[in-house]
């Protein structure tokens, strides 16, 4: 999908929301003195008003992106994050190299044409089984009772977290760290995380249905079109693992302490529950919805920068300076769906604006937001898709960590308080 072919109407940029000096400094992670030094050197433009200095949010985004590229550590484009790592942990599944994501040497975007269960089982065991189906096993009656006891305000992510805990209590082998037992627990756990969600469309539900189809029936009330299920299946595959994300590090630290696979997933899901990580697609969904409803893309984007004080939701991924291949794959799949036209037009308008003004390109969170919006799902559906898929990745890292000396990821603190 070429975002440069999308026309963005010229509007009065001076009429858009602006950032205060304090908001700008927070966005850049610098002190006010440093911010004004940037202004003095001509690297940022400010407008002085009676209330103080203000800054163009899109110019600030462009400057933030340029600082990320300049300050990234050597080798960052080969698979390290933009920050300075506390440690380097060897991984044997996901590799980010030359702008692509690979799973054990196979391009993830190629694997996205396969079913999630096939790829997940292969990831956990090395065995390729095209017809495999994950089933939750014993304990689902307890899971449903536990989920039904949650308050009305509970969301699907809450239900999934409760499901993991309830399934752990029903598994007599939950403390076994034998690789086959751990892999089986992971498959039952992910199936239970899906089965724990209320069915929005029960017609034709069958235990041999692929997991993506079962999940689709819990995220959308409409009939499951094959193209929509295929896009959901691809999203699950593409989100299995992605370097040492903060949630993966939390899961791996739990595994270092020899937590059970269920405990590992609970640890990872705790860190995943963040607007900067696993929940980022919700804000992207809302941003796109406003553009679909007719609001000017520039105003929507500027509102997002001012409102969040952070990056524009769904844009920018320092590990992919030329664009996130997962986003391209999912948006290309949506391109074959005639009902996705308005959403893809909104993606194009926002992406063209961001590319021109900041250089930021769509990431997988934007693609998830587009997928869930185009298919009539709630704005938090992307969080559920992310958590379901990444739970397999958490267990993959647990299997690797179980082979290492226990508690090796226990850092040493340095006291900086009063003497």
Protein backbone atom coordinates (compact mmCIF):
# COMPACT_ATOMS: atom_id res chain seq x y z
CA UNK A 1 0.00 0.00 0.00
CA UNK A 2 1.63 3.25 -1.18
CA UNK A 3 0.75 6.05 1.20
CA UNK A 4 2.39 8.73 -0.95
CA UNK A 5 -0.40 8.42 -3.52
CA UNK A 6 -2.98 9.63 -1.00
CA UNK A 7 -3.95 13.31 -1.19
CA UNK A 8 -4.10 15.18 2.10
CA UNK A 9 -6.12 18.38 1.90
CA UNK A 10 -4.24 21.55 2.73
CA UNK A 11 -5.53 23.01 5.99
CA UNK A 12 -4.51 25.83 8.25
CA UNK A 13 -1.81 24.18 10.36
CA UNK A 14 -1.73 27.22 12.65
CA UNK A 15 -5.26 26.34 13.77
CA UNK A 16 -4.23 22.91 15.06
CA UNK A 17 -3.64 22.15 18.75
CA UNK A 18 -0.11 22.96 19.90
CA UNK A 19 2.16 21.61 22.60
CA UNK A 20 3.27 23.69 25.57
CA UNK A 21 6.96 23.84 26.39
CA UNK A 22 6.42 21.44 29.28
CA UNK A 23 4.56 18.95 27.06
CA UNK A 24 7.26 19.19 24.41
CA UNK A 25 10.05 18.59 26.91
CA UNK A 26 8.17 15.59 28.30
CA UNK A 27 7.61 14.18 24.81
CA UNK A 28 11.32 14.47 24.03
CA UNK A 29 12.43 13.29 27.45
CA UNK A 30 14.58 16.36 28.08
CA UNK A 31 14.72 19.25 30.54
CA UNK A 32 13.27 22.63 29.62
CA UNK A 33 16.79 24.03 29.42
CA UNK A 34 17.68 21.45 26.78
CA UNK A 35 14.48 22.18 24.87
CA UNK A 36 15.32 25.87 24.67
CA UNK A 37 18.84 25.01 23.59
CA UNK A 38 17.29 23.15 20.64
CA UNK A 39 15.27 26.28 19.86
CA UNK A 40 18.36 28.49 20.08
CA UNK A 41 20.21 26.22 17.64
CA UNK A 42 17.32 26.35 15.19
CA UNK A 43 16.40 22.68 15.56
CA UNK A 44 12.87 23.43 16.81
CA UNK A 45 10.55 26.36 16.17
CA UNK A 46 8.50 27.93 18.93
CA UNK A 47 5.74 30.54 18.95
CA UNK A 48 5.65 32.91 21.90
CA UNK A 49 2.26 33.79 23.36
CA UNK A 50 1.10 35.56 26.48
CA UNK A 51 0.76 32.14 28.14
CA UNK A 52 4.25 30.97 27.12
CA UNK A 53 5.95 29.16 24.26
CA UNK A 54 4.10 26.64 22.09
CA UNK A 55 5.33 24.09 19.56
CA UNK A 56 3.95 22.42 16.43
CA UNK A 57 3.19 18.81 17.50
CA UNK A 58 4.08 17.35 14.09
CA UNK A 59 7.40 19.20 14.00
CA UNK A 60 8.09 17.80 17.46
CA UNK A 61 7.26 14.30 16.20
CA UNK A 62 9.65 14.72 13.27
CA UNK A 63 12.40 15.91 15.62
CA UNK A 64 11.74 13.01 18.01
CA UNK A 65 12.04 10.54 15.13
CA UNK A 66 15.33 12.10 13.98
CA UNK A 67 16.74 11.85 17.51
CA UNK A 68 15.78 8.15 17.70
CA UNK A 69 17.61 7.41 14.47
CA UNK A 70 20.67 9.40 15.50
CA UNK A 71 20.88 8.14 19.07
CA UNK A 72 20.17 4.45 18.39
CA UNK A 73 23.07 2.24 19.57
CA UNK A 74 25.33 0.59 17.05
CA UNK A 75 23.62 -2.40 15.54
CA UNK A 76 20.12 -1.23 16.45
CA UNK A 77 18.86 -1.91 12.96
CA UNK A 78 20.00 -5.51 13.35
CA UNK A 79 17.47 -6.25 16.07
CA UNK A 80 17.99 -4.09 19.15
CA UNK A 81 15.58 -1.53 20.52
CA UNK A 82 16.18 2.21 20.50
CA UNK A 83 17.02 2.30 24.21
CA UNK A 84 20.25 1.27 25.86
CA UNK A 85 19.76 -2.38 26.86
CA UNK A 86 20.41 -3.43 30.43
CA UNK A 87 21.68 -6.71 29.09
CA UNK A 88 21.81 -8.79 25.95
CA UNK A 89 19.81 -12.02 26.10
CA UNK A 90 20.30 -14.65 23.44
CA UNK A 91 17.12 -15.74 21.67
CA UNK A 92 16.63 -18.57 19.21
CA UNK A 93 13.25 -17.85 17.64
CA UNK A 94 12.68 -14.30 16.41
CA UNK A 95 15.25 -12.30 14.45
CA UNK A 96 14.85 -8.77 13.09
CA UNK A 97 17.31 -8.15 10.30
CA UNK A 98 17.39 -5.95 7.19
CA UNK A 99 13.90 -4.68 7.88
CA UNK A 100 12.32 -8.13 8.14
CA UNK A 101 11.07 -10.34 10.97
CA UNK A 102 12.08 -14.00 10.86
CA UNK A 103 10.94 -16.97 12.93
CA UNK A 104 13.77 -19.52 13.03
CA UNK A 105 15.04 -18.33 9.70
CA UNK A 106 11.63 -18.21 7.99
CA UNK A 107 10.11 -14.88 7.05
CA UNK A 108 7.20 -14.18 9.41
CA UNK A 109 5.18 -12.56 6.64
CA UNK A 110 5.44 -15.82 4.67
CA UNK A 111 4.37 -17.86 7.68
CA UNK A 112 1.35 -15.56 8.05
CA UNK A 113 -0.25 -17.48 5.19
CA UNK A 114 -0.42 -20.53 7.48
CA UNK A 115 -2.78 -21.11 10.39
CA UNK A 116 -1.82 -19.72 13.77
CA UNK A 117 -2.09 -23.13 15.43
CA UNK A 118 0.24 -24.72 12.88
CA UNK A 119 2.89 -22.02 13.32
CA UNK A 120 2.52 -21.91 17.12
CA UNK A 121 2.82 -25.68 17.47
CA UNK A 122 5.89 -25.66 15.21
CA UNK A 123 7.38 -22.85 17.29
CA UNK A 124 6.82 -24.75 20.54
CA UNK A 125 7.81 -28.25 19.38
CA UNK A 126 9.56 -28.05 16.01
CA UNK A 127 6.79 -30.25 14.56
CA UNK A 128 4.79 -28.97 11.57
CA UNK A 129 1.16 -30.13 11.72
CA UNK A 130 -1.15 -28.28 9.28
CA UNK A 131 -4.36 -29.75 10.72
CA UNK A 132 -3.64 -29.28 14.43
CA UNK A 133 -6.27 -27.64 16.62
CA UNK A 134 -5.75 -26.28 20.15
CA UNK A 135 -8.35 -27.29 22.75
CA UNK A 136 -8.48 -26.02 26.36
CA UNK A 137 -8.90 -29.39 28.09
CA UNK A 138 -10.09 -29.70 31.68
CA UNK A 139 -11.04 -26.73 33.82
CA UNK A 140 -13.20 -24.72 31.41
CA UNK A 141 -16.26 -25.03 33.65
CA UNK A 142 -14.27 -23.35 36.45
CA UNK A 143 -12.97 -20.78 34.00
CA UNK A 144 -16.48 -19.83 32.92
CA UNK A 145 -17.68 -19.53 36.52
CA UNK A 146 -14.70 -17.34 37.37
CA UNK A 147 -15.22 -15.15 34.31
CA UNK A 148 -18.95 -14.78 35.00
CA UNK A 149 -18.17 -13.53 38.51
CA UNK A 150 -16.24 -10.52 37.17
CA UNK A 151 -17.93 -7.10 37.42
CA UNK A 152 -19.74 -5.68 34.41
CA UNK A 153 -16.84 -3.28 33.82
CA UNK A 154 -14.45 -6.17 33.08
CA UNK A 155 -13.02 -6.37 29.59
CA UNK A 156 -11.92 -9.31 27.50
CA UNK A 157 -8.30 -8.92 28.63
CA UNK A 158 -9.52 -9.28 32.24
CA UNK A 159 -11.35 -12.45 31.26
CA UNK A 160 -8.24 -13.84 29.62
CA UNK A 161 -6.09 -13.18 32.66
CA UNK A 162 -8.61 -14.90 34.93
CA UNK A 163 -8.76 -17.80 32.49
CA UNK A 164 -5.01 -18.38 32.71
CA UNK A 165 -5.14 -18.51 36.52
CA UNK A 166 -8.15 -20.81 36.57
CA UNK A 167 -6.61 -23.16 34.00
CA UNK A 168 -3.43 -23.32 36.07
CA UNK A 169 -5.38 -24.45 39.12
CA UNK A 170 -6.95 -27.27 37.08
CA UNK A 171 -3.67 -28.55 35.61
CA UNK A 172 -2.08 -31.28 37.79
CA UNK A 173 1.16 -30.96 35.80
CA UNK A 174 1.40 -27.18 35.92
CA UNK A 175 4.73 -27.24 37.80
CA UNK A 176 6.35 -29.60 35.28
CA UNK A 177 9.03 -27.87 33.23
CA UNK A 178 9.42 -30.78 30.84
CA UNK A 179 9.37 -29.23 27.34
CA UNK A 180 6.52 -31.44 26.09
CA UNK A 181 4.42 -30.63 29.16
CA UNK A 182 5.13 -26.92 28.81
CA UNK A 183 4.22 -26.91 25.10
CA UNK A 184 0.96 -28.75 25.81
CA UNK A 185 0.11 -26.35 28.61
CA UNK A 186 0.72 -23.38 26.29
CA UNK A 187 -1.62 -24.74 23.63
CA UNK A 188 -4.38 -25.50 26.13
CA UNK A 189 -3.88 -22.14 27.79
CA UNK A 190 -4.24 -20.13 24.58
CA UNK A 191 -7.32 -22.12 23.59
CA UNK A 192 -8.78 -21.47 27.04
CA UNK A 193 -8.04 -17.75 26.73
CA UNK A 194 -10.21 -17.74 23.61
CA UNK A 195 -12.96 -20.01 24.98
CA UNK A 196 -13.24 -17.80 28.08
CA UNK A 197 -14.56 -14.90 25.99
CA UNK A 198 -18.32 -14.58 25.47
CA UNK A 199 -19.58 -15.77 22.10
CA UNK A 200 -21.02 -12.93 20.06
CA UNK A 201 -22.06 -15.27 17.27
CA UNK A 202 -22.64 -18.93 18.17
CA UNK A 203 -24.01 -20.22 14.87
CA UNK A 204 -22.06 -23.21 13.60
CA UNK A 205 -19.54 -23.29 16.47
CA UNK A 206 -17.65 -26.59 16.32
CA UNK A 207 -14.72 -27.90 18.34
CA UNK A 208 -12.72 -28.60 15.17
CA UNK A 209 -12.87 -24.96 14.04
CA UNK A 210 -9.51 -23.17 13.77
CA UNK A 211 -8.65 -20.96 16.70
CA UNK A 212 -8.79 -17.82 14.53
CA UNK A 213 -12.41 -18.60 13.61
CA UNK A 214 -13.33 -19.25 17.23
CA UNK A 215 -11.74 -15.96 18.26
CA UNK A 216 -13.46 -14.09 15.43
CA UNK A 217 -16.86 -15.21 16.73
CA UNK A 218 -15.97 -13.64 20.07
CA UNK A 219 -14.81 -10.34 18.66
CA UNK A 220 -17.44 -9.61 16.00
CA UNK A 221 -21.19 -10.09 15.85
CA UNK A 222 -21.30 -10.29 12.05
CA UNK A 223 -20.81 -13.45 10.02
CA UNK A 224 -17.17 -14.60 9.73
CA UNK A 225 -16.16 -13.85 6.14
CA UNK A 226 -13.20 -16.02 5.05
CA UNK A 227 -11.08 -12.95 4.23
CA UNK A 228 -11.67 -11.51 7.71
CA UNK A 229 -10.74 -14.77 9.42
CA UNK A 230 -7.63 -15.07 7.24
CA UNK A 231 -6.54 -11.55 8.24
CA UNK A 232 -7.11 -12.37 11.92
CA UNK A 233 -5.13 -15.61 11.54
CA UNK A 234 -2.27 -13.68 9.91
CA UNK A 235 -2.27 -11.10 12.72
CA UNK A 236 -1.98 -13.86 15.31
CA UNK A 237 1.01 -15.37 13.50
CA UNK A 238 2.77 -12.03 13.08
CA UNK A 239 2.41 -11.20 16.79
CA UNK A 240 3.80 -14.43 18.26
CA UNK A 241 7.19 -12.94 19.09
CA UNK A 242 9.21 -9.77 18.47
CA UNK A 243 12.67 -9.54 20.02
CA UNK A 244 12.88 -8.76 23.77
CA UNK A 245 9.83 -6.54 24.18
CA UNK A 246 9.21 -5.37 27.74
CA UNK A 247 6.45 -7.95 28.28
CA UNK A 248 8.72 -10.70 26.96
CA UNK A 249 11.44 -9.61 29.36
CA UNK A 250 8.95 -9.77 32.24
CA UNK A 251 7.91 -13.27 31.16
CA UNK A 252 11.50 -14.35 30.79
CA UNK A 253 12.43 -13.00 34.22
CA UNK A 254 9.58 -15.05 35.70
CA UNK A 255 10.88 -18.13 33.89
CA UNK A 256 14.35 -17.42 35.29
CA UNK A 257 12.79 -17.85 38.75
CA UNK A 258 11.27 -21.11 37.47
CA UNK A 259 7.70 -19.85 37.41
CA UNK A 260 5.26 -22.26 35.77
CA UNK A 261 4.26 -21.55 32.15
CA UNK A 262 1.00 -20.16 33.49
CA UNK A 263 2.89 -17.82 35.83
CA UNK A 264 5.13 -16.80 32.94
CA UNK A 265 2.11 -15.79 30.85
CA UNK A 266 0.56 -13.89 33.77
CA UNK A 267 3.83 -11.97 34.22
CA UNK A 268 4.00 -11.14 30.53
CA UNK A 269 0.37 -10.08 30.35
CA UNK A 270 0.90 -7.69 33.24
CA UNK A 271 3.57 -5.81 31.30
CA UNK A 272 1.56 -6.12 28.08
CA UNK A 273 -1.32 -4.18 29.65
CA UNK A 274 0.05 -0.76 28.69
CA UNK A 275 -0.89 1.95 26.19
CA UNK A 276 2.77 1.99 25.14
CA UNK A 277 2.81 -1.71 24.35
CA UNK A 278 0.03 -4.28 24.08
CA UNK A 279 -2.83 -1.77 24.21
CA UNK A 280 -1.49 0.65 21.61
CA UNK A 281 -3.85 -0.61 18.90
CA UNK A 282 -6.85 0.76 20.82
CA UNK A 283 -5.67 4.35 20.38
CA UNK A 284 -4.85 3.63 16.73
CA UNK A 285 -8.37 2.24 16.22
CA UNK A 286 -9.87 5.41 17.71
CA UNK A 287 -7.64 7.67 15.64
CA UNK A 288 -8.68 5.94 12.41
CA UNK A 289 -12.35 5.97 13.44
CA UNK A 290 -12.27 9.76 13.73
CA UNK A 291 -10.78 10.08 10.24
CA UNK A 292 -13.36 7.65 8.82
CA UNK A 293 -16.07 9.81 10.42
CA UNK A 294 -14.86 12.78 8.40
CA UNK A 295 -12.49 14.67 10.69
CA UNK A 296 -9.39 16.23 9.16
CA UNK A 297 -6.41 13.85 9.51
CA UNK A 298 -4.06 16.67 10.56
CA UNK A 299 -6.31 17.70 13.43
CA UNK A 300 -6.79 14.09 14.55
CA UNK A 301 -3.05 13.48 14.53
CA UNK A 302 -2.28 16.75 16.31
CA UNK A 303 -4.91 15.95 18.94
CA UNK A 304 -3.24 12.56 19.46
CA UNK A 305 0.17 14.13 20.06
CA UNK A 306 -1.20 16.78 22.40
CA UNK A 307 -3.48 14.36 24.24
CA UNK A 308 -1.01 11.53 24.81
CA UNK A 309 2.23 13.45 25.15
CA UNK A 310 3.84 10.58 23.28
CA UNK A 311 4.22 9.17 19.78
CA UNK A 312 1.27 9.19 17.41
CA UNK A 313 -0.53 5.88 18.03
CA UNK A 314 0.26 3.33 15.34
CA UNK A 315 3.28 5.06 13.83
CA UNK A 316 7.02 4.56 14.17
CA UNK A 317 9.03 1.44 14.95
CA UNK A 318 12.78 2.04 15.37
CA UNK A 319 13.60 -1.59 14.55
CA UNK A 320 12.15 -1.02 11.06
CA UNK A 321 13.45 2.29 9.68
CA UNK A 322 11.83 1.54 6.29
CA UNK A 323 8.48 0.49 7.74
CA UNK A 324 7.05 -2.40 9.73
CA UNK A 325 6.64 -5.46 7.47
CA UNK A 326 3.91 -6.81 9.74
CA UNK A 327 1.85 -3.68 9.11
CA UNK A 328 2.36 -3.91 5.36
CA UNK A 329 1.28 -7.56 5.33
CA UNK A 330 -1.91 -6.94 7.31
CA UNK A 331 -2.85 -3.80 5.38
CA UNK A 332 -2.30 -5.65 2.11
CA UNK A 333 -4.70 -8.36 3.31
CA UNK A 334 -7.25 -5.69 4.15
CA UNK A 335 -6.79 -4.32 0.65
CA UNK A 336 -8.61 -7.38 -0.67
CA UNK A 337 -11.65 -6.71 1.51
CA UNK A 338 -14.19 -4.43 -0.22
CA UNK A 339 -15.67 -3.39 3.14
CA UNK A 340 -12.30 -2.07 4.31
CA UNK A 341 -12.16 0.78 1.76
CA UNK A 342 -13.04 3.68 4.11
CA UNK A 343 -10.64 2.45 6.78
CA UNK A 344 -7.79 2.02 4.30
CA UNK A 345 -8.46 5.52 2.99
CA UNK A 346 -8.15 6.81 6.55
CA UNK A 347 -4.91 4.86 6.96
CA UNK A 348 -3.59 6.38 3.76
CA UNK A 349 -4.50 9.93 4.76
CA UNK A 350 -2.94 9.67 8.21
CA UNK A 351 0.12 7.81 6.92
CA UNK A 352 0.74 10.32 4.13
CA UNK A 353 0.55 13.20 6.62
CA UNK A 354 2.88 11.51 9.12
CA UNK A 355 5.35 10.44 6.44
CA UNK A 356 5.55 13.97 5.01
CA UNK A 357 5.73 15.80 8.33
CA UNK A 358 7.63 13.40 10.62
CA UNK A 359 8.95 10.50 8.56
CA UNK A 360 7.08 8.04 10.80
CA UNK A 361 5.59 5.01 9.06
CA UNK A 362 2.72 2.72 10.09
CA UNK A 363 3.49 -0.04 12.56
CA UNK A 364 1.62 -3.20 13.48
CA UNK A 365 -0.53 -1.35 16.04
CA UNK A 366 -2.00 0.80 13.28
CA UNK A 367 -2.64 -2.30 11.18
CA UNK A 368 -4.36 -3.97 14.14
CA UNK A 369 -6.47 -0.85 14.67
CA UNK A 370 -7.38 -0.86 10.98
CA UNK A 371 -8.24 -4.58 11.04
CA UNK A 372 -10.49 -4.30 14.07
CA UNK A 373 -12.20 -1.14 12.81
CA UNK A 374 -12.77 -2.50 9.30
CA UNK A 375 -14.26 -5.71 10.68
CA UNK A 376 -16.64 -4.00 13.09
CA UNK A 377 -14.86 -5.08 16.27
CA UNK A 378 -14.60 -3.10 19.50
CA UNK A 379 -11.64 -0.79 19.92
CA UNK A 380 -10.03 -3.14 22.47
CA UNK A 381 -10.15 -6.19 20.17
CA UNK A 382 -6.56 -5.60 19.07
CA UNK A 383 -5.42 -6.01 22.67
CA UNK A 384 -7.06 -9.44 22.81
CA UNK A 385 -5.46 -10.51 19.53
CA UNK A 386 -2.06 -9.30 20.75
CA UNK A 387 -2.31 -11.06 24.13
CA UNK A 388 -3.55 -14.32 22.60
CA UNK A 389 -0.70 -14.51 20.12
CA UNK A 390 2.09 -13.23 22.35
CA UNK A 391 1.25 -15.78 25.07
CA UNK A 392 2.82 -18.38 22.78
CA UNK A 393 5.90 -16.16 22.53
CA UNK A 394 6.09 -15.86 26.31
CA UNK A 395 6.18 -19.64 26.65
CA UNK A 396 8.76 -19.92 23.86
CA UNK A 397 11.05 -17.66 25.87
CA UNK A 398 10.25 -19.63 29.02
CA UNK A 399 11.35 -22.85 27.33
CA UNK A 400 14.65 -21.17 26.43
CA UNK A 401 15.10 -19.70 29.91
CA UNK A 402 14.40 -23.03 31.64
CA UNK A 403 17.61 -24.29 30.00
CA UNK A 404 19.65 -21.53 31.66
CA UNK A 405 20.88 -21.32 35.28
CA UNK A 406 17.99 -20.27 37.55
CA UNK A 407 17.68 -16.66 38.73
CA UNK A 408 20.32 -15.44 36.28
CA UNK A 409 18.09 -12.47 35.36
CA UNK A 410 18.04 -11.12 38.90
CA UNK A 411 19.75 -7.69 38.57
CA UNK A 412 21.76 -5.99 41.31
CA UNK A 413 20.37 -2.70 42.55
CA UNK A 414 22.53 0.35 43.26
CA UNK A 415 21.30 2.40 46.23
CA UNK A 416 20.96 6.12 45.51
CA UNK A 417 18.86 7.24 48.52
CA UNK A 418 19.91 9.25 51.58
CA UNK A 419 22.81 7.94 53.64
